[in-house]
Every structure is written in structure tokens, then in C-alpha cells.
Amino acid sequence: MQRLLRHAELVGRQGEIPVAAVIVDGQGRAVGWGSNRRERDQQPLGHAELVALRQAARLRGDWRFNDCTLLVTLEPCPMCAGALVQARVGRVVFGASDPKRGGLGGVLDLSTSTSAHHHMQVVGGVEANQCADQLERWFKQRRQQQRELRFGRPAAPAPAG
């Protein structure tokens, strides 16, 4: 997770929401890396999990990932959670929970849905504080930059508390 956090930090500096993912096969080899690319590629499907799935499918020559684990810094959204079910990922490990948009326990849980044809093991909260702090810092900085652009000057710091 520490390596994913470092990668997410780099992505955040490039203007993307700092989320990174990796797919590891049954032998512990990384077979697919991904980070958010929505801004860079102007692609609504440019979520870290989907980027990692595409790369892993190309490298493995298969779309089934029963023996694989996906590690990601933020709980997957419903779109990504659905893709993980479709790809038959065996296990998902995520850092920060997403109570507003999470698809593996936050808003809904597609991993246990009766409509899902595949059920995966889900482990959340790995390095949760570090993952959440990274995202909070990034969004705070982004809001500050947007205020400065809107008003043409540095915004006054927010009151403490």
C-alpha cells in the first residue's frame, strides 16, 4: 500500500485525483498497474482500477482474475466494483473507505449482492488513515487553487476548527 500511496502522490501532482491500483496474481507478481487518468485522457472510464484491469488482461491474455488480488488506495466506486465482479477478481484490498460513493461497502456492496454472479473477498481499511489523509490534502489544495483562480488572488486561510 505504501508503494501505491507514492504512485498516487505523483498522479495527484499531475492534476488527477490521487488513486492508484495494482493487480497481483496468485504468485505475487504485479500484472497490472493503474492510476486515475480521467483528466489526462479526457476519459470518464479512466479510473485506476479499470486501467489496471485493462493492462492485466492484455498481459495475461485473459479477462478472468479469480486467482488475483486488486489493491487500491480508495474503495472502488460502483462502476469499478461492477467491473471487478465481471472480471471475477478473487480479492480486493483497499485503503480508505468511501462512504459517499463506495461500491464495496460504502453506499452499496456489489461483492455480496444477490445479483452478482461472482463473490469476492474484500478487505478494507489497509493504511486507511494515510490513504484518506492523502485524498483530503489533495482536495483541500484543489479547492484552494480553484478559489485563487476564481478570485485572482490567494484565498484567506480557512478558520481552524
Protein backbone atom coordinates (compact mmCIF):
# COMPACT_ATOMS: atom_id res chain seq x y z
CA MET A 1 0.00 0.00 0.00
CA GLN A 2 2.92 2.32 0.67
CA ARG A 3 4.10 1.93 -2.92
CA LEU A 4 0.58 2.70 -4.17
CA LEU A 5 0.45 5.81 -1.99
CA ARG A 6 3.73 7.05 -3.51
CA HIS A 7 2.38 6.45 -7.01
CA ALA A 8 -0.91 8.18 -6.14
CA GLU A 9 1.07 11.19 -4.90
CA LEU A 10 2.74 11.54 -8.30
CA VAL A 11 -0.61 11.25 -10.06
CA GLY A 12 -2.07 13.93 -7.78
CA ARG A 13 0.71 16.34 -8.75
CA GLN A 14 -0.36 15.86 -12.37
CA GLY A 15 -3.90 17.01 -11.61
CA GLU A 16 -5.60 13.65 -11.19
CA ILE A 17 -7.37 12.51 -8.05
CA PRO A 18 -4.59 10.58 -6.30
CA VAL A 19 -5.77 6.98 -6.55
CA ALA A 20 -3.55 4.09 -7.61
CA ALA A 21 -4.17 0.36 -8.04
CA VAL A 22 -2.26 -2.82 -8.78
CA ILE A 23 -3.37 -6.34 -9.64
CA VAL A 24 -1.25 -9.12 -8.20
CA ASP A 25 -1.54 -12.69 -9.49
CA GLY A 26 -1.57 -15.86 -7.41
CA GLN A 27 2.23 -15.99 -7.40
CA GLY A 28 2.52 -12.43 -6.06
CA ARG A 29 3.57 -10.84 -9.37
CA ALA A 30 2.17 -7.43 -10.33
CA VAL A 31 0.34 -7.97 -13.63
CA GLY A 32 -1.47 -4.65 -13.96
CA TRP A 33 -0.85 -1.12 -12.67
CA GLY A 34 -3.29 1.74 -12.85
CA SER A 35 -3.87 5.26 -11.66
CA ASN A 36 -6.59 7.76 -12.35
CA ARG A 37 -6.39 9.13 -15.92
CA ARG A 38 -9.70 10.88 -16.39
CA GLU A 39 -8.19 14.34 -16.79
CA ARG A 40 -5.11 13.29 -18.73
CA ASP A 41 -7.01 11.15 -21.23
CA GLN A 42 -10.34 13.02 -21.01
CA GLN A 43 -11.83 9.60 -20.37
CA PRO A 44 -14.71 9.03 -17.92
CA LEU A 45 -13.66 5.39 -17.56
CA GLY A 46 -10.11 6.35 -16.56
CA HIS A 47 -10.36 5.05 -13.01
CA ALA A 48 -7.27 3.39 -11.52
CA GLU A 49 -8.97 0.00 -11.15
CA LEU A 50 -10.15 -0.09 -14.77
CA VAL A 51 -6.74 0.98 -16.08
CA ALA A 52 -5.12 -1.83 -14.05
CA LEU A 53 -7.69 -4.38 -15.28
CA ARG A 54 -7.09 -3.43 -18.93
CA GLN A 55 -3.33 -3.76 -18.57
CA ALA A 56 -3.56 -7.06 -16.72
CA ALA A 57 -5.97 -8.51 -19.30
CA ARG A 58 -3.56 -7.58 -22.10
CA LEU A 59 -0.54 -9.03 -20.30
CA ARG A 60 -2.29 -12.24 -19.24
CA GLY A 61 -4.34 -12.71 -22.40
CA ASP A 62 -7.39 -13.40 -20.25
CA TRP A 63 -10.19 -11.40 -18.63
CA ARG A 64 -10.71 -13.72 -15.67
CA PHE A 65 -8.85 -12.87 -12.47
CA ASN A 66 -10.10 -15.46 -9.95
CA ASP A 67 -6.56 -16.02 -8.63
CA CYS A 68 -5.74 -12.31 -8.38
CA THR A 69 -5.88 -9.58 -5.77
CA LEU A 70 -6.52 -5.94 -6.61
CA LEU A 71 -5.01 -3.44 -4.18
CA VAL A 72 -6.23 0.16 -4.40
CA THR A 73 -5.87 3.25 -2.23
CA LEU A 74 -9.60 4.11 -2.24
CA GLU A 75 -12.68 1.91 -2.05
CA PRO A 76 -13.86 1.26 -5.63
CA CYS A 77 -16.90 3.13 -6.88
CA PRO A 78 -19.94 1.14 -8.10
CA MET A 79 -18.68 1.25 -11.72
CA CYS A 80 -15.31 -0.19 -10.74
CA ALA A 81 -16.82 -2.65 -8.25
CA GLY A 82 -19.08 -3.92 -11.05
CA ALA A 83 -16.08 -4.33 -13.34
CA LEU A 84 -14.25 -6.25 -10.62
CA VAL A 85 -17.22 -8.61 -10.28
CA GLN A 86 -17.36 -9.04 -14.09
CA ALA A 87 -13.61 -9.77 -14.15
CA ARG A 88 -14.07 -12.32 -11.37
CA VAL A 89 -11.34 -10.79 -9.20
CA GLY A 90 -10.71 -13.09 -6.26
CA ARG A 91 -9.85 -10.49 -3.65
CA VAL A 92 -9.93 -6.70 -3.30
CA VAL A 93 -7.87 -4.84 -0.71
CA PHE A 94 -8.48 -1.11 -0.35
CA GLY A 95 -7.20 1.69 1.84
CA ALA A 96 -9.69 4.50 2.52
CA SER A 97 -13.40 3.77 2.66
CA ASP A 98 -15.71 5.94 0.55
CA PRO A 99 -19.00 6.38 2.44
CA LYS A 100 -20.41 8.66 -0.31
CA ARG A 101 -19.52 6.68 -3.45
CA GLY A 102 -18.10 3.32 -2.40
CA GLY A 103 -19.29 0.20 -4.20
CA LEU A 104 -17.81 -2.41 -1.84
CA GLY A 105 -19.47 -1.39 1.40
CA GLY A 106 -19.68 2.40 1.31
CA VAL A 107 -23.02 3.15 -0.39
CA LEU A 108 -23.67 -0.40 -1.53
CA ASP A 109 -21.76 -3.65 -1.62
CA LEU A 110 -21.61 -5.29 -5.03
CA SER A 111 -19.32 -8.01 -3.69
CA THR A 112 -22.19 -9.56 -1.77
CA SER A 113 -25.14 -8.54 -3.93
CA THR A 114 -27.55 -11.35 -4.73
CA SER A 115 -27.47 -10.14 -8.34
CA ALA A 116 -23.72 -10.75 -8.63
CA HIS A 117 -22.64 -13.98 -10.32
CA HIS A 118 -19.28 -13.78 -8.58
CA HIS A 119 -18.46 -13.02 -4.97
CA MET A 120 -15.03 -11.77 -3.99
CA GLN A 121 -13.24 -11.39 -0.71
CA VAL A 122 -12.99 -7.71 0.33
CA VAL A 123 -10.58 -6.29 2.89
CA GLY A 124 -10.91 -2.58 3.60
CA GLY A 125 -9.04 -0.16 5.81
CA VAL A 126 -5.43 -1.11 4.97
CA GLU A 127 -3.39 2.04 5.73
CA ALA A 128 -6.79 3.77 5.81
CA ASN A 129 -5.63 6.91 7.62
CA GLN A 130 -2.73 7.53 5.25
CA CYS A 131 -4.93 6.93 2.20
CA ALA A 132 -7.71 9.19 3.49
CA ASP A 133 -5.24 11.91 4.54
CA GLN A 134 -3.67 11.94 1.09
CA LEU A 135 -7.04 12.41 -0.58
CA GLU A 136 -8.16 15.07 1.92
CA ARG A 137 -4.96 17.08 1.39
CA TRP A 138 -5.34 16.85 -2.38
CA PHE A 139 -8.96 18.01 -2.37
CA LYS A 140 -8.17 20.85 0.06
CA GLN A 141 -5.36 22.02 -2.22
CA ARG A 142 -7.62 21.72 -5.28
CA ARG A 143 -10.35 23.84 -3.63
CA GLN A 144 -7.71 26.45 -2.70
CA GLN A 145 -6.44 26.58 -6.29
CA GLN A 146 -9.98 26.96 -7.63
CA ARG A 147 -10.67 29.86 -5.22
CA GLU A 148 -7.46 31.56 -6.34
CA LEU A 149 -8.41 31.16 -9.99
CA ARG A 150 -11.91 32.46 -9.37
CA PHE A 151 -10.91 35.49 -7.30
CA GLY A 152 -7.48 36.16 -8.84
CA ARG A 153 -5.65 36.19 -5.54
CA PRO A 154 -4.71 33.76 -2.80
CA ALA A 155 -7.74 32.99 -0.68
CA ALA A 156 -7.67 33.67 3.03
CA PRO A 157 -6.93 30.53 5.02
CA ALA A 158 -9.97 28.73 6.34
CA PRO A 159 -10.62 29.25 10.05
CA ALA A 160 -9.37 26.47 12.29
CA GLY A 161 -11.87 24.28 13.98
